[in-house]
Amino acid sequence: MLFNLGANVANQAGVSVWQRNGKLYAFDEYAKAHTLN
């Protein structure tokens, strides 16, 4: 419990991928996106 307080769910960027305007976006579930080359 003490290591999981506060709903600190990590972004794994592991669900979908989209290329748009020269950027590659990796999305997770309810987080920011990561961009890739």
PDB file of all heavy atoms in Angstrom:
ATOM      1  N   MET A   1       0.803  -1.223   0.000  1.00  0.00           N
ATOM      2  CA  MET A   1       0.000   0.000   0.000  1.00  0.00           C
ATOM      3  C   MET A   1       0.837   1.274   0.000  1.00  0.00           C
ATOM      4  O   MET A   1       0.581   2.209  -0.762  1.00  0.00           O
ATOM      5  CB  MET A   1      -0.921  -0.042   1.220  1.00  0.00           C
ATOM      6  CG  MET A   1      -1.718   1.202   1.479  1.00  0.00           C
ATOM      7  SD  MET A   1      -2.756   0.954   2.934  1.00  0.00           S
ATOM      8  CE  MET A   1      -3.288   2.654   3.212  1.00  0.00           C
ATOM      9  N   LEU A   2       1.866   1.343   0.827  1.00  0.00           N
ATOM     10  CA  LEU A   2       2.640   2.571   0.957  1.00  0.00           C
ATOM     11  C   LEU A   2       3.368   2.941  -0.329  1.00  0.00           C
ATOM     12  O   LEU A   2       3.680   4.113  -0.557  1.00  0.00           O
ATOM     13  CB  LEU A   2       3.644   2.443   2.108  1.00  0.00           C
ATOM     14  CG  LEU A   2       3.036   2.351   3.514  1.00  0.00           C
ATOM     15  CD1 LEU A   2       4.123   2.189   4.547  1.00  0.00           C
ATOM     16  CD2 LEU A   2       2.180   3.583   3.807  1.00  0.00           C
ATOM     17  N   PHE A   3       3.645   1.953  -1.172  1.00  0.00           N
ATOM     18  CA  PHE A   3       4.340   2.211  -2.432  1.00  0.00           C
ATOM     19  C   PHE A   3       3.379   2.561  -3.565  1.00  0.00           C
ATOM     20  O   PHE A   3       3.803   2.793  -4.694  1.00  0.00           O
ATOM     21  CB  PHE A   3       5.184   0.991  -2.826  1.00  0.00           C
ATOM     22  CG  PHE A   3       6.397   0.784  -1.956  1.00  0.00           C
ATOM     23  CD1 PHE A   3       6.286   0.119  -0.742  1.00  0.00           C
ATOM     24  CD2 PHE A   3       7.632   1.279  -2.337  1.00  0.00           C
ATOM     25  CE1 PHE A   3       7.393  -0.074   0.059  1.00  0.00           C
ATOM     26  CE2 PHE A   3       8.739   1.093  -1.531  1.00  0.00           C
ATOM     27  CZ  PHE A   3       8.627   0.414  -0.319  1.00  0.00           C
ATOM     28  N   ASN A   4       2.075   2.572  -3.252  1.00  0.00           N
ATOM     29  CA  ASN A   4       1.075   2.808  -4.286  1.00  0.00           C
ATOM     30  C   ASN A   4       0.105   3.923  -3.940  1.00  0.00           C
ATOM     31  O   ASN A   4      -0.936   4.064  -4.583  1.00  0.00           O
ATOM     32  CB  ASN A   4       0.295   1.512  -4.551  1.00  0.00           C
ATOM     33  CG  ASN A   4       1.140   0.453  -5.227  1.00  0.00           C
ATOM     34  OD1 ASN A   4       1.298   0.441  -6.438  1.00  0.00           O
ATOM     35  ND2 ASN A   4       1.699  -0.451  -4.430  1.00  0.00           N
ATOM     36  N   LEU A   5       0.434   4.719  -2.930  1.00  0.00           N
ATOM     37  CA  LEU A   5      -0.458   5.806  -2.526  1.00  0.00           C
ATOM     38  C   LEU A   5      -0.568   6.864  -3.623  1.00  0.00           C
ATOM     39  O   LEU A   5       0.392   7.137  -4.343  1.00  0.00           O
ATOM     40  CB  LEU A   5       0.065   6.466  -1.248  1.00  0.00           C
ATOM     41  CG  LEU A   5      -0.067   5.665   0.053  1.00  0.00           C
ATOM     42  CD1 LEU A   5       0.678   6.374   1.170  1.00  0.00           C
ATOM     43  CD2 LEU A   5      -1.536   5.482   0.429  1.00  0.00           C
ATOM     44  N   GLY A   6      -1.770   7.444  -3.750  1.00  0.00           N
ATOM     45  CA  GLY A   6      -1.932   8.622  -4.595  1.00  0.00           C
ATOM     46  C   GLY A   6      -2.179   8.367  -6.057  1.00  0.00           C
ATOM     47  O   GLY A   6      -2.124   9.290  -6.863  1.00  0.00           O
ATOM     48  N   ALA A   7      -2.460   7.120  -6.431  1.00  0.00           N
ATOM     49  CA  ALA A   7      -2.809   6.808  -7.828  1.00  0.00           C
ATOM     50  C   ALA A   7      -1.739   7.270  -8.818  1.00  0.00           C
ATOM     51  O   ALA A   7      -2.022   7.854  -9.854  1.00  0.00           O
ATOM     52  CB  ALA A   7      -4.151   7.439  -8.196  1.00  0.00           C
ATOM     53  N   ASN A   8      -0.477   6.999  -8.483  1.00  0.00           N
ATOM     54  CA  ASN A   8       0.624   7.402  -9.362  1.00  0.00           C
ATOM     55  C   ASN A   8       0.794   6.373 -10.477  1.00  0.00           C
ATOM     56  O   ASN A   8       1.752   5.610 -10.523  1.00  0.00           O
ATOM     57  CB  ASN A   8       1.909   7.532  -8.540  1.00  0.00           C
ATOM     58  CG  ASN A   8       3.056   8.082  -9.371  1.00  0.00           C
ATOM     59  OD1 ASN A   8       2.836   8.759 -10.368  1.00  0.00           O
ATOM     60  ND2 ASN A   8       4.272   7.786  -8.960  1.00  0.00           N
ATOM     61  N   VAL A   9      -0.188   6.349 -11.402  1.00  0.00           N
ATOM     62  CA  VAL A   9      -0.176   5.388 -12.499  1.00  0.00           C
ATOM     63  C   VAL A   9       0.745   5.910 -13.599  1.00  0.00           C
ATOM     64  O   VAL A   9       0.568   7.014 -14.106  1.00  0.00           O
ATOM     65  CB  VAL A   9      -1.602   5.162 -13.036  1.00  0.00           C
ATOM     66  CG1 VAL A   9      -1.578   4.206 -14.221  1.00  0.00           C
ATOM     67  CG2 VAL A   9      -2.499   4.608 -11.928  1.00  0.00           C
ATOM     68  N   ALA A  10       1.711   5.096 -13.975  1.00  0.00           N
ATOM     69  CA  ALA A  10       2.748   5.545 -14.895  1.00  0.00           C
ATOM     70  C   ALA A  10       2.286   5.483 -16.350  1.00  0.00           C
ATOM     71  O   ALA A  10       1.475   4.642 -16.742  1.00  0.00           O
ATOM     72  CB  ALA A  10       4.003   4.690 -14.718  1.00  0.00           C
ATOM     73  N   ASN A  11       2.826   6.378 -17.145  1.00  0.00           N
ATOM     74  CA  ASN A  11       2.600   6.419 -18.586  1.00  0.00           C
ATOM     75  C   ASN A  11       3.556   5.445 -19.264  1.00  0.00           C
ATOM     76  O   ASN A  11       4.771   5.589 -19.167  1.00  0.00           O
ATOM     77  CB  ASN A  11       2.831   7.847 -19.092  1.00  0.00           C
ATOM     78  CG  ASN A  11       2.543   8.020 -20.576  1.00  0.00           C
ATOM     79  OD1 ASN A  11       2.252   7.065 -21.286  1.00  0.00           O
ATOM     80  ND2 ASN A  11       2.630   9.251 -21.047  1.00  0.00           N
ATOM     81  N   GLN A  12       3.011   4.426 -19.945  1.00  0.00           N
ATOM     82  CA  GLN A  12       3.843   3.450 -20.647  1.00  0.00           C
ATOM     83  C   GLN A  12       3.851   3.652 -22.162  1.00  0.00           C
ATOM     84  O   GLN A  12       4.611   2.984 -22.864  1.00  0.00           O
ATOM     85  CB  GLN A  12       3.365   2.027 -20.332  1.00  0.00           C
ATOM     86  CG  GLN A  12       3.442   1.691 -18.849  1.00  0.00           C
ATOM     87  CD  GLN A  12       2.983   0.278 -18.564  1.00  0.00           C
ATOM     88  OE1 GLN A  12       3.796  -0.603 -18.275  1.00  0.00           O
ATOM     89  NE2 GLN A  12       1.688   0.035 -18.649  1.00  0.00           N
ATOM     90  N   ALA A  13       2.988   4.541 -22.668  1.00  0.00           N
ATOM     91  CA  ALA A  13       2.948   4.880 -24.105  1.00  0.00           C
ATOM     92  C   ALA A  13       2.818   3.657 -24.982  1.00  0.00           C
ATOM     93  O   ALA A  13       3.403   3.598 -26.062  1.00  0.00           O
ATOM     94  CB  ALA A  13       4.196   5.690 -24.483  1.00  0.00           C
ATOM     95  N   GLY A  14       2.015   2.682 -24.566  1.00  0.00           N
ATOM     96  CA  GLY A  14       2.029   1.387 -25.225  1.00  0.00           C
ATOM     97  C   GLY A  14       0.749   0.929 -25.871  1.00  0.00           C
ATOM     98  O   GLY A  14       0.532  -0.281 -25.969  1.00  0.00           O
ATOM     99  N   VAL A  15      -0.104   1.848 -26.346  1.00  0.00           N
ATOM    100  CA  VAL A  15      -1.380   1.402 -26.919  1.00  0.00           C
ATOM    101  C   VAL A  15      -1.482   1.677 -28.418  1.00  0.00           C
ATOM    102  O   VAL A  15      -1.735   0.770 -29.198  1.00  0.00           O
ATOM    103  CB  VAL A  15      -2.575   2.033 -26.174  1.00  0.00           C
ATOM    104  CG1 VAL A  15      -3.894   1.526 -26.763  1.00  0.00           C
ATOM    105  CG2 VAL A  15      -2.514   1.721 -24.683  1.00  0.00           C
ATOM    106  N   SER A  16      -1.310   2.917 -28.849  1.00  0.00           N
ATOM    107  CA  SER A  16      -1.483   3.220 -30.274  1.00  0.00           C
ATOM    108  C   SER A  16      -0.341   4.086 -30.792  1.00  0.00           C
ATOM    109  O   SER A  16       0.439   4.652 -30.013  1.00  0.00           O
ATOM    110  CB  SER A  16      -2.826   3.923 -30.520  1.00  0.00           C
ATOM    111  OG  SER A  16      -2.834   5.214 -29.950  1.00  0.00           O
ATOM    112  N   VAL A  17      -0.258   4.190 -32.112  1.00  0.00           N
ATOM    113  CA  VAL A  17       0.792   4.981 -32.754  1.00  0.00           C
ATOM    114  C   VAL A  17       0.194   5.675 -33.969  1.00  0.00           C
ATOM    115  O   VAL A  17      -0.595   5.088 -34.718  1.00  0.00           O
ATOM    116  CB  VAL A  17       1.994   4.088 -33.152  1.00  0.00           C
ATOM    117  CG1 VAL A  17       1.581   2.973 -34.092  1.00  0.00           C
ATOM    118  CG2 VAL A  17       3.122   4.903 -33.743  1.00  0.00           C
ATOM    119  N   TRP A  18       0.546   6.946 -34.133  1.00  0.00           N
ATOM    120  CA  TRP A  18       0.029   7.766 -35.225  1.00  0.00           C
ATOM    121  C   TRP A  18       1.157   8.637 -35.768  1.00  0.00           C
ATOM    122  O   TRP A  18       1.886   9.253 -34.988  1.00  0.00           O
ATOM    123  CB  TRP A  18      -1.081   8.702 -34.734  1.00  0.00           C
ATOM    124  CG  TRP A  18      -2.273   8.022 -34.158  1.00  0.00           C
ATOM    125  CD1 TRP A  18      -2.376   7.447 -32.916  1.00  0.00           C
ATOM    126  CD2 TRP A  18      -3.541   7.847 -34.777  1.00  0.00           C
ATOM    127  NE1 TRP A  18      -3.630   6.938 -32.734  1.00  0.00           N
ATOM    128  CE2 TRP A  18      -4.369   7.164 -33.859  1.00  0.00           C
ATOM    129  CE3 TRP A  18      -4.059   8.217 -36.017  1.00  0.00           C
ATOM    130  CZ2 TRP A  18      -5.683   6.837 -34.148  1.00  0.00           C
ATOM    131  CZ3 TRP A  18      -5.376   7.888 -36.308  1.00  0.00           C
ATOM    132  CH2 TRP A  18      -6.172   7.199 -35.381  1.00  0.00           C
ATOM    133  N   GLN A  19       1.295   8.704 -37.099  1.00  0.00           N
ATOM    134  CA  GLN A  19       2.219   9.681 -37.686  1.00  0.00           C
ATOM    135  C   GLN A  19       1.408  10.852 -38.214  1.00  0.00           C
ATOM    136  O   GLN A  19       0.403  10.682 -38.910  1.00  0.00           O
ATOM    137  CB  GLN A  19       3.055   9.092 -38.809  1.00  0.00           C
ATOM    138  CG  GLN A  19       4.033  10.134 -39.375  1.00  0.00           C
ATOM    139  CD  GLN A  19       5.116   9.548 -40.239  1.00  0.00           C
ATOM    140  OE1 GLN A  19       5.752   8.578 -39.875  1.00  0.00           O
ATOM    141  NE2 GLN A  19       5.337  10.142 -41.406  1.00  0.00           N
ATOM    142  N   ARG A  20       1.867  12.048 -37.855  1.00  0.00           N
ATOM    143  CA  ARG A  20       1.134  13.253 -38.255  1.00  0.00           C
ATOM    144  C   ARG A  20       2.111  14.420 -38.324  1.00  0.00           C
ATOM    145  O   ARG A  20       2.860  14.666 -37.373  1.00  0.00           O
ATOM    146  CB  ARG A  20       0.025  13.524 -37.249  1.00  0.00           C
ATOM    147  CG  ARG A  20      -0.882  14.691 -37.611  1.00  0.00           C
ATOM    148  CD  ARG A  20      -2.078  14.740 -36.681  1.00  0.00           C
ATOM    149  NE  ARG A  20      -2.781  16.014 -36.802  1.00  0.00           N
ATOM    150  CZ  ARG A  20      -3.760  16.271 -37.659  1.00  0.00           C
ATOM    151  NH1 ARG A  20      -4.167  15.325 -38.487  1.00  0.00           N
ATOM    152  NH2 ARG A  20      -4.346  17.458 -37.682  1.00  0.00           N
ATOM    153  N   ASN A  21       2.117  15.114 -39.462  1.00  0.00           N
ATOM    154  CA  ASN A  21       2.940  16.306 -39.647  1.00  0.00           C
ATOM    155  C   ASN A  21       4.398  16.059 -39.262  1.00  0.00           C
ATOM    156  O   ASN A  21       5.031  16.872 -38.591  1.00  0.00           O
ATOM    157  CB  ASN A  21       2.367  17.478 -38.849  1.00  0.00           C
ATOM    158  CG  ASN A  21       1.035  17.959 -39.407  1.00  0.00           C
ATOM    159  OD1 ASN A  21       0.792  17.870 -40.608  1.00  0.00           O
ATOM    160  ND2 ASN A  21       0.173  18.457 -38.540  1.00  0.00           N
ATOM    161  N   GLY A  22       4.923  14.926 -39.688  1.00  0.00           N
ATOM    162  CA  GLY A  22       6.332  14.615 -39.488  1.00  0.00           C
ATOM    163  C   GLY A  22       6.686  14.065 -38.128  1.00  0.00           C
ATOM    164  O   GLY A  22       7.858  13.748 -37.884  1.00  0.00           O
ATOM    165  N   LYS A  23       5.711  13.937 -37.234  1.00  0.00           N
ATOM    166  CA  LYS A  23       5.964  13.389 -35.905  1.00  0.00           C
ATOM    167  C   LYS A  23       5.257  12.049 -35.759  1.00  0.00           C
ATOM    168  O   LYS A  23       4.185  11.829 -36.313  1.00  0.00           O
ATOM    169  CB  LYS A  23       5.464  14.350 -34.817  1.00  0.00           C
ATOM    170  CG  LYS A  23       6.219  15.660 -34.721  1.00  0.00           C
ATOM    171  CD  LYS A  23       5.671  16.519 -33.587  1.00  0.00           C
ATOM    172  CE  LYS A  23       6.437  17.824 -33.464  1.00  0.00           C
ATOM    173  NZ  LYS A  23       5.890  18.690 -32.379  1.00  0.00           N
ATOM    174  N   LEU A  24       5.871  11.172 -34.985  1.00  0.00           N
ATOM    175  CA  LEU A  24       5.276   9.897 -34.638  1.00  0.00           C
ATOM    176  C   LEU A  24       4.829   9.986 -33.188  1.00  0.00           C
ATOM    177  O   LEU A  24       5.629  10.279 -32.299  1.00  0.00           O
ATOM    178  CB  LEU A  24       6.294   8.771 -34.826  1.00  0.00           C
ATOM    179  CG  LEU A  24       5.746   7.346 -34.848  1.00  0.00           C
ATOM    180  CD1 LEU A  24       4.829   7.136 -36.048  1.00  0.00           C
ATOM    181  CD2 LEU A  24       6.896   6.341 -34.877  1.00  0.00           C
ATOM    182  N   TYR A  25       3.533   9.768 -32.952  1.00  0.00           N
ATOM    183  CA  TYR A  25       2.965   9.876 -31.609  1.00  0.00           C
ATOM    184  C   TYR A  25       2.661   8.484 -31.061  1.00  0.00           C
ATOM    185  O   TYR A  25       2.059   7.652 -31.753  1.00  0.00           O
ATOM    186  CB  TYR A  25       1.658  10.670 -31.637  1.00  0.00           C
ATOM    187  CG  TYR A  25       1.798  12.137 -31.936  1.00  0.00           C
ATOM    188  CD1 TYR A  25       1.816  12.592 -33.259  1.00  0.00           C
ATOM    189  CD2 TYR A  25       1.894  13.073 -30.922  1.00  0.00           C
ATOM    190  CE1 TYR A  25       1.930  13.948 -33.547  1.00  0.00           C
ATOM    191  CE2 TYR A  25       2.006  14.436 -31.206  1.00  0.00           C
ATOM    192  CZ  TYR A  25       2.020  14.864 -32.514  1.00  0.00           C
ATOM    193  OH  TYR A  25       2.123  16.211 -32.794  1.00  0.00           O
ATOM    194  N   ALA A  26       3.047   8.246 -29.819  1.00  0.00           N
ATOM    195  CA  ALA A  26       2.698   7.016 -29.109  1.00  0.00           C
ATOM    196  C   ALA A  26       1.798   7.383 -27.940  1.00  0.00           C
ATOM    197  O   ALA A  26       2.176   8.200 -27.089  1.00  0.00           O
ATOM    198  CB  ALA A  26       3.948   6.303 -28.614  1.00  0.00           C
ATOM    199  N   PHE A  27       0.606   6.787 -27.913  1.00  0.00           N
ATOM    200  CA  PHE A  27      -0.373   7.075 -26.876  1.00  0.00           C
ATOM    201  C   PHE A  27      -0.521   5.907 -25.915  1.00  0.00           C
ATOM    202  O   PHE A  27      -0.440   4.743 -26.298  1.00  0.00           O
ATOM    203  CB  PHE A  27      -1.749   7.353 -27.494  1.00  0.00           C
ATOM    204  CG  PHE A  27      -1.864   8.690 -28.170  1.00  0.00           C
ATOM    205  CD1 PHE A  27      -1.643   8.811 -29.535  1.00  0.00           C
ATOM    206  CD2 PHE A  27      -2.209   9.822 -27.461  1.00  0.00           C
ATOM    207  CE1 PHE A  27      -1.763  10.037 -30.179  1.00  0.00           C
ATOM    208  CE2 PHE A  27      -2.324  11.058 -28.087  1.00  0.00           C
ATOM    209  CZ  PHE A  27      -2.102  11.166 -29.451  1.00  0.00           C
ATOM    210  N   ASP A  28      -0.777   6.262 -24.664  1.00  0.00           N
ATOM    211  CA  ASP A  28      -1.150   5.298 -23.651  1.00  0.00           C
ATOM    212  C   ASP A  28      -2.626   5.510 -23.331  1.00  0.00           C
ATOM    213  O   ASP A  28      -3.359   6.133 -24.103  1.00  0.00           O
ATOM    214  CB  ASP A  28      -0.280   5.472 -22.400  1.00  0.00           C
ATOM    215  CG  ASP A  28      -0.240   4.227 -21.526  1.00  0.00           C
ATOM    216  OD1 ASP A  28      -0.872   3.225 -21.871  1.00  0.00           O
ATOM    217  OD2 ASP A  28       0.429   4.260 -20.481  1.00  0.00           O
ATOM    218  N   GLU A  29      -3.071   5.056 -22.185  1.00  0.00           N
ATOM    219  CA  GLU A  29      -4.442   5.238 -21.739  1.00  0.00           C
ATOM    220  C   GLU A  29      -4.482   6.373 -20.720  1.00  0.00           C
ATOM    221  O   GLU A  29      -3.985   6.236 -19.603  1.00  0.00           O
ATOM    222  CB  GLU A  29      -4.937   3.944 -21.092  1.00  0.00           C
ATOM    223  CG  GLU A  29      -6.421   3.862 -20.867  1.00  0.00           C
ATOM    224  CD  GLU A  29      -7.188   3.572 -22.152  1.00  0.00           C
ATOM    225  OE1 GLU A  29      -7.088   4.380 -23.098  1.00  0.00           O
ATOM    226  OE2 GLU A  29      -7.879   2.545 -22.209  1.00  0.00           O
ATOM    227  N   TYR A  30      -5.052   7.533 -21.118  1.00  0.00           N
ATOM    228  CA  TYR A  30      -5.229   8.677 -20.228  1.00  0.00           C
ATOM    229  C   TYR A  30      -3.895   9.237 -19.731  1.00  0.00           C
ATOM    230  O   TYR A  30      -3.585   9.240 -18.538  1.00  0.00           O
ATOM    231  CB  TYR A  30      -6.127   8.321 -19.038  1.00  0.00           C
ATOM    232  CG  TYR A  30      -7.438   7.698 -19.438  1.00  0.00           C
ATOM    233  CD1 TYR A  30      -8.127   6.863 -18.576  1.00  0.00           C
ATOM    234  CD2 TYR A  30      -7.992   7.936 -20.680  1.00  0.00           C
ATOM    235  CE1 TYR A  30      -9.336   6.286 -18.938  1.00  0.00           C
ATOM    236  CE2 TYR A  30      -9.196   7.372 -21.057  1.00  0.00           C
ATOM    237  CZ  TYR A  30      -9.866   6.549 -20.180  1.00  0.00           C
ATOM    238  OH  TYR A  30     -11.063   5.987 -20.550  1.00  0.00           O
ATOM    239  N   ALA A  31      -3.104   9.701 -20.652  1.00  0.00           N
ATOM    240  CA  ALA A  31      -1.805  10.295 -20.337  1.00  0.00           C
ATOM    241  C   ALA A  31      -1.453  11.240 -21.472  1.00  0.00           C
ATOM    242  O   ALA A  31      -2.193  11.398 -22.440  1.00  0.00           O
ATOM    243  CB  ALA A  31      -0.741   9.210 -20.193  1.00  0.00           C
ATOM    244  N   LYS A  32      -0.318  11.905 -21.362  1.00  0.00           N
ATOM    245  CA  LYS A  32       0.199  12.675 -22.484  1.00  0.00           C
ATOM    246  C   LYS A  32       0.753  11.721 -23.540  1.00  0.00           C
ATOM    247  O   LYS A  32       0.954  10.534 -23.295  1.00  0.00           O
ATOM    248  CB  LYS A  32       1.293  13.635 -22.007  1.00  0.00           C
ATOM    249  CG  LYS A  32       0.784  14.762 -21.118  1.00  0.00           C
ATOM    250  CD  LYS A  32       1.913  15.721 -20.759  1.00  0.00           C
ATOM    251  CE  LYS A  32       1.400  16.873 -19.920  1.00  0.00           C
ATOM    252  NZ  LYS A  32       2.477  17.843 -19.582  1.00  0.00           N
ATOM    253  N   ALA A  33       0.991  12.259 -24.723  1.00  0.00           N
ATOM    254  CA  ALA A  33       1.583  11.461 -25.790  1.00  0.00           C
ATOM    255  C   ALA A  33       3.107  11.577 -25.730  1.00  0.00           C
ATOM    256  O   ALA A  33       3.651  12.540 -25.204  1.00  0.00           O
ATOM    257  CB  ALA A  33       1.087  11.943 -27.145  1.00  0.00           C
ATOM    258  N   HIS A  34       3.770  10.567 -26.276  1.00  0.00           N
ATOM    259  CA  HIS A  34       5.210  10.645 -26.506  1.00  0.00           C
ATOM    260  C   HIS A  34       5.442  10.794 -28.004  1.00  0.00           C
ATOM    261  O   HIS A  34       4.768  10.142 -28.805  1.00  0.00           O
ATOM    262  CB  HIS A  34       5.923   9.390 -26.004  1.00  0.00           C
ATOM    263  CG  HIS A  34       6.128   9.365 -24.519  1.00  0.00           C
ATOM    264  ND1 HIS A  34       5.106   9.129 -23.634  1.00  0.00           N
ATOM    265  CD2 HIS A  34       7.242   9.561 -23.763  1.00  0.00           C
ATOM    266  CE1 HIS A  34       5.578   9.164 -22.394  1.00  0.00           C
ATOM    267  NE2 HIS A  34       6.870   9.430 -22.449  1.00  0.00           N
ATOM    268  N   THR A  35       6.380  11.647 -28.382  1.00  0.00           N
ATOM    269  CA  THR A  35       6.741  11.773 -29.782  1.00  0.00           C
ATOM    270  C   THR A  35       8.051  11.038 -30.050  1.00  0.00           C
ATOM    271  O   THR A  35       8.920  10.946 -29.177  1.00  0.00           O
ATOM    272  CB  THR A  35       6.892  13.245 -30.204  1.00  0.00           C
ATOM    273  OG1 THR A  35       7.862  13.887 -29.373  1.00  0.00           O
ATOM    274  CG2 THR A  35       5.563  13.969 -30.093  1.00  0.00           C
ATOM    275  N   LEU A  36       8.145  10.504 -31.262  1.00  0.00           N
ATOM    276  CA  LEU A  36       9.321   9.760 -31.683  1.00  0.00           C
ATOM    277  C   LEU A  36       9.749  10.229 -33.070  1.00  0.00           C
ATOM    278  O   LEU A  36       8.949  10.794 -33.822  1.00  0.00           O
ATOM    279  CB  LEU A  36       9.037   8.249 -31.724  1.00  0.00           C
ATOM    280  CG  LEU A  36       8.644   7.563 -30.416  1.00  0.00           C
ATOM    281  CD1 LEU A  36       7.135   7.549 -30.245  1.00  0.00           C
ATOM    282  CD2 LEU A  36       9.169   6.133 -30.372  1.00  0.00           C
ATOM    283  N   ASN A  37      10.994   9.970 -33.391  1.00  0.00           N
ATOM    284  CA  ASN A  37      11.509  10.204 -34.732  1.00  0.00           C
ATOM    285  C   ASN A  37      11.043   9.043 -35.618  1.00  0.00           C
ATOM    286  O   ASN A  37      11.405   7.887 -35.360  1.00  0.00           O
ATOM    287  CB  ASN A  37      13.033  10.267 -34.689  1.00  0.00           C
ATOM    288  CG  ASN A  37      13.644  10.565 -36.038  1.00  0.00           C
ATOM    289  OD1 ASN A  37      13.218  10.044 -37.059  1.00  0.00           O
ATOM    290  ND2 ASN A  37      14.669  11.399 -36.051  1.00  0.00           N
TER     291      ASN A  37
END
